[in-house]
Amino acid sequence: MLYDQIRQKPFFILGPCVMENQELLYTVAEKVAEIGQKHNIPVIFKSSFDKANRTSIHSYRGPGIEKGMEMLMNVKERFGLPTTTDIHEPYQAAIAAEVVDILQIPAFLCRQTDLLVAAAQTGKIVNVKKAQFLSGQDMFYPAQKVIEAGNQQVILTERGNMYGYNNLAVDFRNIYDMKAFGHPVCMDCTHSVQRPGGAGGKTGGDRTFVPMMALAAKAFGASGYFMEAHPDPDNALSDGPNMVKLHQLEETILPLLA
């Protein structure tokens, strides 16, 4: 089972931030599958059907849940990859669970009880991203909501904390603290280099720091790594500044396997 694999060796959640079109998903998924097979590591393909918390109402959000699940199913069928996507409302959990292997709970929503319970009740793995306003120790309670809803398959993900306006900082002690709960802990290496809302109506960031974030997380005992990637991130429709360039994805991952 996927959760057993995740517990046994380093795992990687990889893919473009948002579903721009089917061809983009195929392009990135092909590389993700190649990396997984070449290095014999668990890889999960990720992309969002809706970016519901974009800075501006004019920003591209995605194709929606119905079309998005169709696009992810096409990826699964073509490349045999497990998949994940984020959900924002409780009703979306059952719909997404028909396709994905992991349901991702966005950081800003990690305390939403109804969302966590709905995700847990699907029986899928639930990846809860730590809010920018919580400590690692605080994440005991969101995880416990999933467990008490009848689901033991929990991943917790570190993605930084707000540090003043338009900036994030990572306290890597949070990884150590969350590991104490007994769940796999993932490092979101790309969202942690964001500058939220700091680019004139959209989120900025600096992908230069992604490899360093990953290596620091490894030193603190991270179980897995989340990295968004795109063949042309400077022209991506969401989170371009912090996504890894697709041709650099493998070289970014390799030091984490040593």
C-alpha atoms as a PDB file:
ATOM      1  CA  MET A   1       0.000   0.000   0.000  1.00  0.00           C
ATOM      2  CA  LEU A   2       1.077   3.561  -0.697  1.00  0.00           C
ATOM      3  CA  TYR A   3       1.017   4.631   2.947  1.00  0.00           C
ATOM      4  CA  ASP A   4       3.320   1.759   3.878  1.00  0.00           C
ATOM      5  CA  GLN A   5       5.756   2.820   1.137  1.00  0.00           C
ATOM      6  CA  ILE A   6       5.646   6.395   2.407  1.00  0.00           C
ATOM      7  CA  ARG A   7       6.519   5.223   5.894  1.00  0.00           C
ATOM      8  CA  GLN A   8       9.422   3.081   4.711  1.00  0.00           C
ATOM      9  CA  LYS A   9      11.448   5.357   2.419  1.00  0.00           C
ATOM     10  CA  PRO A  10      11.716   8.990   1.307  1.00  0.00           C
ATOM     11  CA  PHE A  11       8.727   9.986  -0.824  1.00  0.00           C
ATOM     12  CA  PHE A  12       8.156  12.858  -3.219  1.00  0.00           C
ATOM     13  CA  ILE A  13       5.003  14.787  -4.078  1.00  0.00           C
ATOM     14  CA  LEU A  14       5.686  16.433  -7.442  1.00  0.00           C
ATOM     15  CA  GLY A  15       3.768  18.285 -10.144  1.00  0.00           C
ATOM     16  CA  PRO A  16       2.678  21.669 -11.479  1.00  0.00           C
ATOM     17  CA  CYS A  17       0.890  24.036  -9.122  1.00  0.00           C
ATOM     18  CA  VAL A  18      -2.354  24.285 -11.082  1.00  0.00           C
ATOM     19  CA  MET A  19      -3.904  22.303 -13.926  1.00  0.00           C
ATOM     20  CA  GLU A  20      -3.311  24.645 -16.846  1.00  0.00           C
ATOM     21  CA  ASN A  21      -4.077  22.026 -19.507  1.00  0.00           C
ATOM     22  CA  GLN A  22      -3.824  18.280 -20.051  1.00  0.00           C
ATOM     23  CA  GLU A  23      -0.608  18.490 -22.051  1.00  0.00           C
ATOM     24  CA  LEU A  24       1.206  20.214 -19.166  1.00  0.00           C
ATOM     25  CA  LEU A  25       0.127  17.441 -16.806  1.00  0.00           C
ATOM     26  CA  TYR A  26       1.379  14.779 -19.214  1.00  0.00           C
ATOM     27  CA  THR A  27       4.723  16.558 -19.677  1.00  0.00           C
ATOM     28  CA  VAL A  28       5.408  16.842 -15.955  1.00  0.00           C
ATOM     29  CA  ALA A  29       3.968  13.419 -15.090  1.00  0.00           C
ATOM     30  CA  GLU A  30       6.261  11.747 -17.613  1.00  0.00           C
ATOM     31  CA  LYS A  31       9.290  13.204 -15.828  1.00  0.00           C
ATOM     32  CA  VAL A  32       7.898  12.355 -12.395  1.00  0.00           C
ATOM     33  CA  ALA A  33       7.294   8.737 -13.424  1.00  0.00           C
ATOM     34  CA  GLU A  34      10.791   8.516 -14.900  1.00  0.00           C
ATOM     35  CA  ILE A  35      12.380   9.772 -11.661  1.00  0.00           C
ATOM     36  CA  GLY A  36      10.362   7.332  -9.570  1.00  0.00           C
ATOM     37  CA  GLN A  37      11.261   4.335 -11.698  1.00  0.00           C
ATOM     38  CA  LYS A  38      14.916   5.269 -12.116  1.00  0.00           C
ATOM     39  CA  HIS A  39      15.563   5.754  -8.410  1.00  0.00           C
ATOM     40  CA  ASN A  40      12.991   3.293  -7.021  1.00  0.00           C
ATOM     41  CA  ILE A  41      11.309   5.877  -4.813  1.00  0.00           C
ATOM     42  CA  PRO A  42       7.626   6.579  -4.096  1.00  0.00           C
ATOM     43  CA  VAL A  43       6.474   9.509  -6.233  1.00  0.00           C
ATOM     44  CA  ILE A  44       3.011  11.068  -6.149  1.00  0.00           C
ATOM     45  CA  PHE A  45       1.764  13.381  -8.876  1.00  0.00           C
ATOM     46  CA  LYS A  46       0.145  16.591  -7.634  1.00  0.00           C
ATOM     47  CA  SER A  47      -1.792  19.383  -9.284  1.00  0.00           C
ATOM     48  CA  SER A  48      -4.666  21.637  -8.190  1.00  0.00           C
ATOM     49  CA  PHE A  49      -8.063  21.769  -9.899  1.00  0.00           C
ATOM     50  CA  ASP A  50      -8.844  25.047  -8.111  1.00  0.00           C
ATOM     51  CA  LYS A  51      -6.564  27.621  -6.521  1.00  0.00           C
ATOM     52  CA  ALA A  52      -9.273  28.964  -4.256  1.00  0.00           C
ATOM     53  CA  ASN A  53      -7.060  31.383  -2.319  1.00  0.00           C
ATOM     54  CA  ARG A  54      -5.392  33.359  -5.101  1.00  0.00           C
ATOM     55  CA  THR A  55      -4.381  36.900  -4.147  1.00  0.00           C
ATOM     56  CA  SER A  56      -6.501  38.558  -6.845  1.00  0.00           C
ATOM     57  CA  ILE A  57      -9.975  37.676  -8.085  1.00  0.00           C
ATOM     58  CA  HIS A  58      -8.590  38.062 -11.606  1.00  0.00           C
ATOM     59  CA  SER A  59      -5.979  35.300 -11.177  1.00  0.00           C
ATOM     60  CA  TYR A  60      -6.380  31.942 -12.927  1.00  0.00           C
ATOM     61  CA  ARG A  61      -7.844  29.339 -10.578  1.00  0.00           C
ATOM     62  CA  GLY A  62      -8.032  26.100 -12.567  1.00  0.00           C
ATOM     63  CA  PRO A  63     -10.481  23.939 -14.517  1.00  0.00           C
ATOM     64  CA  GLY A  64     -12.738  23.027 -11.577  1.00  0.00           C
ATOM     65  CA  ILE A  65     -13.253  19.726  -9.804  1.00  0.00           C
ATOM     66  CA  GLU A  66     -15.132  17.816 -12.518  1.00  0.00           C
ATOM     67  CA  LYS A  67     -12.694  18.585 -15.327  1.00  0.00           C
ATOM     68  CA  GLY A  68      -9.750  18.413 -12.942  1.00  0.00           C
ATOM     69  CA  MET A  69     -10.548  14.883 -11.818  1.00  0.00           C
ATOM     70  CA  GLU A  70     -10.857  13.823 -15.440  1.00  0.00           C
ATOM     71  CA  MET A  71      -7.407  15.261 -16.140  1.00  0.00           C
ATOM     72  CA  LEU A  72      -5.859  13.515 -13.128  1.00  0.00           C
ATOM     73  CA  MET A  73      -7.478  10.214 -14.097  1.00  0.00           C
ATOM     74  CA  ASN A  74      -5.900  10.548 -17.530  1.00  0.00           C
ATOM     75  CA  VAL A  75      -2.506  10.943 -15.828  1.00  0.00           C
ATOM     76  CA  LYS A  76      -3.089   7.859 -13.656  1.00  0.00           C
ATOM     77  CA  GLU A  77      -4.113   5.751 -16.610  1.00  0.00           C
ATOM     78  CA  ARG A  78      -1.230   6.850 -18.818  1.00  0.00           C
ATOM     79  CA  PHE A  79       1.633   6.772 -16.297  1.00  0.00           C
ATOM     80  CA  GLY A  80       0.397   4.585 -13.439  1.00  0.00           C
ATOM     81  CA  LEU A  81       1.177   7.265 -10.875  1.00  0.00           C
ATOM     82  CA  PRO A  82      -0.605   7.763  -7.548  1.00  0.00           C
ATOM     83  CA  THR A  83      -2.093  11.249  -7.428  1.00  0.00           C
ATOM     84  CA  THR A  84      -3.044  13.967  -4.998  1.00  0.00           C
ATOM     85  CA  THR A  85      -4.884  17.268  -5.089  1.00  0.00           C
ATOM     86  CA  ASP A  86      -6.083  19.809  -2.563  1.00  0.00           C
ATOM     87  CA  ILE A  87      -9.698  20.211  -1.503  1.00  0.00           C
ATOM     88  CA  HIS A  88     -11.305  23.302   0.006  1.00  0.00           C
ATOM     89  CA  GLU A  89     -14.834  22.267   0.945  1.00  0.00           C
ATOM     90  CA  PRO A  90     -16.136  19.095   2.597  1.00  0.00           C
ATOM     91  CA  TYR A  91     -18.304  18.048  -0.378  1.00  0.00           C
ATOM     92  CA  GLN A  92     -15.188  17.885  -2.577  1.00  0.00           C
ATOM     93  CA  ALA A  93     -13.599  15.099  -0.525  1.00  0.00           C
ATOM     94  CA  ALA A  94     -15.764  12.252  -1.836  1.00  0.00           C
ATOM     95  CA  ILE A  95     -15.541  13.489  -5.433  1.00  0.00           C
ATOM     96  CA  ALA A  96     -11.749  13.791  -5.399  1.00  0.00           C
ATOM     97  CA  ALA A  97     -11.377  10.486  -3.558  1.00  0.00           C
ATOM     98  CA  GLU A  98     -12.782   8.666  -6.575  1.00  0.00           C
ATOM     99  CA  VAL A  99      -9.522   9.508  -8.377  1.00  0.00           C
ATOM    100  CA  VAL A 100      -6.762  10.551  -5.973  1.00  0.00           C
ATOM    101  CA  ASP A 101      -4.775   8.496  -3.479  1.00  0.00           C
ATOM    102  CA  ILE A 102      -4.007  11.380  -1.115  1.00  0.00           C
ATOM    103  CA  LEU A 103      -6.299  14.254  -0.173  1.00  0.00           C
ATOM    104  CA  GLN A 104      -4.383  17.431   0.608  1.00  0.00           C
ATOM    105  CA  ILE A 105      -5.727  19.915   3.163  1.00  0.00           C
ATOM    106  CA  PRO A 106      -4.496  23.463   2.411  1.00  0.00           C
ATOM    107  CA  ALA A 107      -2.537  25.212   5.135  1.00  0.00           C
ATOM    108  CA  PHE A 108      -5.072  27.992   5.688  1.00  0.00           C
ATOM    109  CA  LEU A 109      -7.798  25.357   6.177  1.00  0.00           C
ATOM    110  CA  CYS A 110      -5.986  22.869   8.407  1.00  0.00           C
ATOM    111  CA  ARG A 111      -8.183  23.661  11.421  1.00  0.00           C
ATOM    112  CA  GLN A 112     -11.484  23.245   9.524  1.00  0.00           C
ATOM    113  CA  THR A 113     -13.027  20.296  11.326  1.00  0.00           C
ATOM    114  CA  ASP A 114     -15.690  19.462   8.738  1.00  0.00           C
ATOM    115  CA  LEU A 115     -13.087  19.423   5.965  1.00  0.00           C
ATOM    116  CA  LEU A 116     -10.717  17.168   7.914  1.00  0.00           C
ATOM    117  CA  VAL A 117     -13.489  14.770   8.906  1.00  0.00           C
ATOM    118  CA  ALA A 118     -14.850  14.571   5.344  1.00  0.00           C
ATOM    119  CA  ALA A 119     -11.359  13.803   4.032  1.00  0.00           C
ATOM    120  CA  ALA A 120     -10.768  11.194   6.725  1.00  0.00           C
ATOM    121  CA  GLN A 121     -14.051   9.423   6.025  1.00  0.00           C
ATOM    122  CA  THR A 122     -13.042   8.705   2.421  1.00  0.00           C
ATOM    123  CA  GLY A 123     -10.422   6.265   3.688  1.00  0.00           C
ATOM    124  CA  LYS A 124      -7.749   7.973   1.601  1.00  0.00           C
ATOM    125  CA  ILE A 125      -4.425   9.218   2.951  1.00  0.00           C
ATOM    126  CA  VAL A 126      -4.877  12.748   4.320  1.00  0.00           C
ATOM    127  CA  ASN A 127      -1.986  15.199   3.970  1.00  0.00           C
ATOM    128  CA  VAL A 128      -2.537  18.143   6.310  1.00  0.00           C
ATOM    129  CA  LYS A 129      -0.375  21.166   5.579  1.00  0.00           C
ATOM    130  CA  LYS A 130       0.656  23.184   8.618  1.00  0.00           C
ATOM    131  CA  ALA A 131      -0.867  26.647   8.726  1.00  0.00           C
ATOM    132  CA  GLN A 132       1.420  29.645   8.442  1.00  0.00           C
ATOM    133  CA  PHE A 133       0.137  30.740  11.872  1.00  0.00           C
ATOM    134  CA  LEU A 134       0.666  27.443  13.754  1.00  0.00           C
ATOM    135  CA  SER A 135       3.626  25.726  15.344  1.00  0.00           C
ATOM    136  CA  GLY A 136       4.563  22.140  14.697  1.00  0.00           C
ATOM    137  CA  GLN A 137       3.274  21.193  18.142  1.00  0.00           C
ATOM    138  CA  ASP A 138      -0.116  22.718  17.307  1.00  0.00           C
ATOM    139  CA  MET A 139      -0.509  20.220  14.468  1.00  0.00           C
ATOM    140  CA  PHE A 140      -1.267  17.441  16.925  1.00  0.00           C
ATOM    141  CA  TYR A 141      -4.889  18.582  16.938  1.00  0.00           C
ATOM    142  CA  PRO A 142      -5.630  18.628  13.187  1.00  0.00           C
ATOM    143  CA  ALA A 143      -4.002  15.192  12.923  1.00  0.00           C
ATOM    144  CA  GLN A 144      -6.086  13.953  15.817  1.00  0.00           C
ATOM    145  CA  LYS A 145      -9.285  15.092  14.087  1.00  0.00           C
ATOM    146  CA  VAL A 146      -8.442  12.818  11.153  1.00  0.00           C
ATOM    147  CA  ILE A 147      -7.589   9.901  13.445  1.00  0.00           C
ATOM    148  CA  GLU A 148     -10.704  10.260  15.574  1.00  0.00           C
ATOM    149  CA  ALA A 149     -12.783  10.349  12.389  1.00  0.00           C
ATOM    150  CA  GLY A 150     -11.522   6.806  11.806  1.00  0.00           C
ATOM    151  CA  ASN A 151      -8.470   7.255   9.577  1.00  0.00           C
ATOM    152  CA  GLN A 152      -4.922   6.482  10.715  1.00  0.00           C
ATOM    153  CA  GLN A 153      -3.301   7.483   7.390  1.00  0.00           C
ATOM    154  CA  VAL A 154      -2.002  10.971   8.119  1.00  0.00           C
ATOM    155  CA  ILE A 155       0.846  13.003   6.634  1.00  0.00           C
ATOM    156  CA  LEU A 156       1.811  16.380   8.106  1.00  0.00           C
ATOM    157  CA  THR A 157       3.516  18.969   5.906  1.00  0.00           C
ATOM    158  CA  GLU A 158       5.700  21.906   6.922  1.00  0.00           C
ATOM    159  CA  ARG A 159       5.460  24.987   4.694  1.00  0.00           C
ATOM    160  CA  GLY A 160       6.807  27.885   6.740  1.00  0.00           C
ATOM    161  CA  ASN A 161       5.382  30.589   8.976  1.00  0.00           C
ATOM    162  CA  MET A 162       4.531  34.213   8.317  1.00  0.00           C
ATOM    163  CA  TYR A 163       7.408  36.474   9.232  1.00  0.00           C
ATOM    164  CA  GLY A 164       6.200  40.034   8.896  1.00  0.00           C
ATOM    165  CA  TYR A 165       4.273  41.049   5.794  1.00  0.00           C
ATOM    166  CA  ASN A 166       4.732  39.214   2.468  1.00  0.00           C
ATOM    167  CA  ASN A 167       7.363  36.846   3.777  1.00  0.00           C
ATOM    168  CA  LEU A 168       7.732  33.311   5.092  1.00  0.00           C
ATOM    169  CA  ALA A 169      10.381  31.760   7.291  1.00  0.00           C
ATOM    170  CA  VAL A 170      10.849  28.090   8.120  1.00  0.00           C
ATOM    171  CA  ASP A 171      11.501  26.943  11.656  1.00  0.00           C
ATOM    172  CA  PHE A 172      12.834  23.475  10.919  1.00  0.00           C
ATOM    173  CA  ARG A 173      12.269  22.442  14.526  1.00  0.00           C
ATOM    174  CA  ASN A 174       8.627  22.050  13.480  1.00  0.00           C
ATOM    175  CA  ILE A 175       9.589  18.943  11.487  1.00  0.00           C
ATOM    176  CA  TYR A 176      11.138  17.354  14.555  1.00  0.00           C
ATOM    177  CA  ASP A 177       8.137  18.305  16.686  1.00  0.00           C
ATOM    178  CA  MET A 178       5.600  16.896  14.219  1.00  0.00           C
ATOM    179  CA  LYS A 179       7.533  13.653  13.829  1.00  0.00           C
ATOM    180  CA  ALA A 180       6.962  13.044  17.528  1.00  0.00           C
ATOM    181  CA  PHE A 181       3.282  12.367  16.749  1.00  0.00           C
ATOM    182  CA  GLY A 182       4.270   9.275  14.759  1.00  0.00           C
ATOM    183  CA  HIS A 183       3.140  10.427  11.306  1.00  0.00           C
ATOM    184  CA  PRO A 184       5.293  10.909   8.197  1.00  0.00           C
ATOM    185  CA  VAL A 185       6.341  14.553   7.909  1.00  0.00           C
ATOM    186  CA  CYS A 186       6.753  16.160   4.508  1.00  0.00           C
ATOM    187  CA  MET A 187       8.625  19.361   3.655  1.00  0.00           C
ATOM    188  CA  ASP A 188       6.938  21.669   1.171  1.00  0.00           C
ATOM    189  CA  CYS A 189      10.130  22.955  -0.408  1.00  0.00           C
ATOM    190  CA  THR A 190       8.482  25.280  -2.931  1.00  0.00           C
ATOM    191  CA  HIS A 191       5.651  26.982  -1.045  1.00  0.00           C
ATOM    192  CA  SER A 192       8.080  27.686   1.789  1.00  0.00           C
ATOM    193  CA  VAL A 193      10.048  30.052  -0.475  1.00  0.00           C
ATOM    194  CA  GLN A 194       6.963  32.108  -1.335  1.00  0.00           C
ATOM    195  CA  ARG A 195       6.451  35.777  -0.646  1.00  0.00           C
ATOM    196  CA  PRO A 196       2.665  35.688  -0.223  1.00  0.00           C
ATOM    197  CA  GLY A 197       0.886  38.529  -1.984  1.00  0.00           C
ATOM    198  CA  GLY A 198       4.235  40.228  -2.406  1.00  0.00           C
ATOM    199  CA  ALA A 199       4.306  40.679  -6.180  1.00  0.00           C
ATOM    200  CA  GLY A 200       1.662  43.264  -6.955  1.00  0.00           C
ATOM    201  CA  GLY A 201      -1.577  41.297  -6.725  1.00  0.00           C
ATOM    202  CA  LYS A 202       0.019  37.870  -6.870  1.00  0.00           C
ATOM    203  CA  THR A 203       2.402  35.750  -4.823  1.00  0.00           C
ATOM    204  CA  GLY A 204       6.116  36.060  -5.403  1.00  0.00           C
ATOM    205  CA  GLY A 205       8.984  33.837  -4.320  1.00  0.00           C
ATOM    206  CA  ASP A 206      12.479  32.646  -5.138  1.00  0.00           C
ATOM    207  CA  ARG A 207      13.123  29.096  -6.365  1.00  0.00           C
ATOM    208  CA  THR A 208      16.855  29.559  -5.713  1.00  0.00           C
ATOM    209  CA  PHE A 209      16.308  28.443  -2.127  1.00  0.00           C
ATOM    210  CA  VAL A 210      14.338  25.250  -2.870  1.00  0.00           C
ATOM    211  CA  PRO A 211      17.342  22.842  -2.812  1.00  0.00           C
ATOM    212  CA  MET A 212      18.563  24.356   0.462  1.00  0.00           C
ATOM    213  CA  MET A 213      15.112  24.081   2.041  1.00  0.00           C
ATOM    214  CA  ALA A 214      15.038  20.411   1.082  1.00  0.00           C
ATOM    215  CA  LEU A 215      18.493  19.624   2.469  1.00  0.00           C
ATOM    216  CA  ALA A 216      17.778  21.445   5.726  1.00  0.00           C
ATOM    217  CA  ALA A 217      14.541  19.486   6.064  1.00  0.00           C
ATOM    218  CA  LYS A 218      16.460  16.255   5.507  1.00  0.00           C
ATOM    219  CA  ALA A 219      18.811  17.175   8.352  1.00  0.00           C
ATOM    220  CA  PHE A 220      15.784  17.572  10.638  1.00  0.00           C
ATOM    221  CA  GLY A 221      14.415  14.158   9.678  1.00  0.00           C
ATOM    222  CA  ALA A 222      11.806  14.894   7.000  1.00  0.00           C
ATOM    223  CA  SER A 223      10.106  11.774   5.634  1.00  0.00           C
ATOM    224  CA  GLY A 224       9.155  13.281   2.280  1.00  0.00           C
ATOM    225  CA  TYR A 225       9.440  16.306   0.039  1.00  0.00           C
ATOM    226  CA  PHE A 226       6.828  18.336  -1.822  1.00  0.00           C
ATOM    227  CA  MET A 227       8.089  20.220  -4.878  1.00  0.00           C
ATOM    228  CA  GLU A 228       6.059  21.867  -7.572  1.00  0.00           C
ATOM    229  CA  ALA A 229       7.670  21.826 -11.012  1.00  0.00           C
ATOM    230  CA  HIS A 230       6.930  23.301 -14.420  1.00  0.00           C
ATOM    231  CA  PRO A 231       8.724  23.252 -17.791  1.00  0.00           C
ATOM    232  CA  ASP A 232       8.450  27.059 -18.028  1.00  0.00           C
ATOM    233  CA  PRO A 233       7.741  28.386 -14.527  1.00  0.00           C
ATOM    234  CA  ASP A 234       8.349  32.011 -15.440  1.00  0.00           C
ATOM    235  CA  ASN A 235       5.222  31.814 -17.601  1.00  0.00           C
ATOM    236  CA  ALA A 236       3.183  29.526 -15.325  1.00  0.00           C
ATOM    237  CA  LEU A 237      -0.343  30.574 -14.389  1.00  0.00           C
ATOM    238  CA  SER A 238       0.232  30.134 -10.639  1.00  0.00           C
ATOM    239  CA  ASP A 239       3.226  30.124  -8.269  1.00  0.00           C
ATOM    240  CA  GLY A 240       5.782  30.407 -11.051  1.00  0.00           C
ATOM    241  CA  PRO A 241       8.514  32.165  -9.022  1.00  0.00           C
ATOM    242  CA  ASN A 242       8.879  29.299  -6.559  1.00  0.00           C
ATOM    243  CA  MET A 243       8.395  26.278  -8.839  1.00  0.00           C
ATOM    244  CA  VAL A 244      11.399  24.173  -9.824  1.00  0.00           C
ATOM    245  CA  LYS A 245      12.269  24.142 -13.513  1.00  0.00           C
ATOM    246  CA  LEU A 246      11.312  20.705 -14.777  1.00  0.00           C
ATOM    247  CA  HIS A 247      14.713  19.958 -16.280  1.00  0.00           C
ATOM    248  CA  GLN A 248      16.286  20.638 -12.861  1.00  0.00           C
ATOM    249  CA  LEU A 249      13.884  18.499 -10.843  1.00  0.00           C
ATOM    250  CA  GLU A 250      15.957  15.313 -10.787  1.00  0.00           C
ATOM    251  CA  GLU A 251      19.162  17.096  -9.802  1.00  0.00           C
ATOM    252  CA  THR A 252      17.262  18.802  -6.980  1.00  0.00           C
ATOM    253  CA  ILE A 253      16.034  15.432  -5.688  1.00  0.00           C
ATOM    254  CA  LEU A 254      19.275  13.442  -5.956  1.00  0.00           C
ATOM    255  CA  PRO A 255      21.042  14.876  -2.858  1.00  0.00           C
ATOM    256  CA  LEU A 256      18.024  13.863  -0.785  1.00  0.00           C
ATOM    257  CA  LEU A 257      18.573  10.217  -1.670  1.00  0.00           C
ATOM    258  CA  ALA A 258      22.205  10.071  -0.553  1.00  0.00           C
END
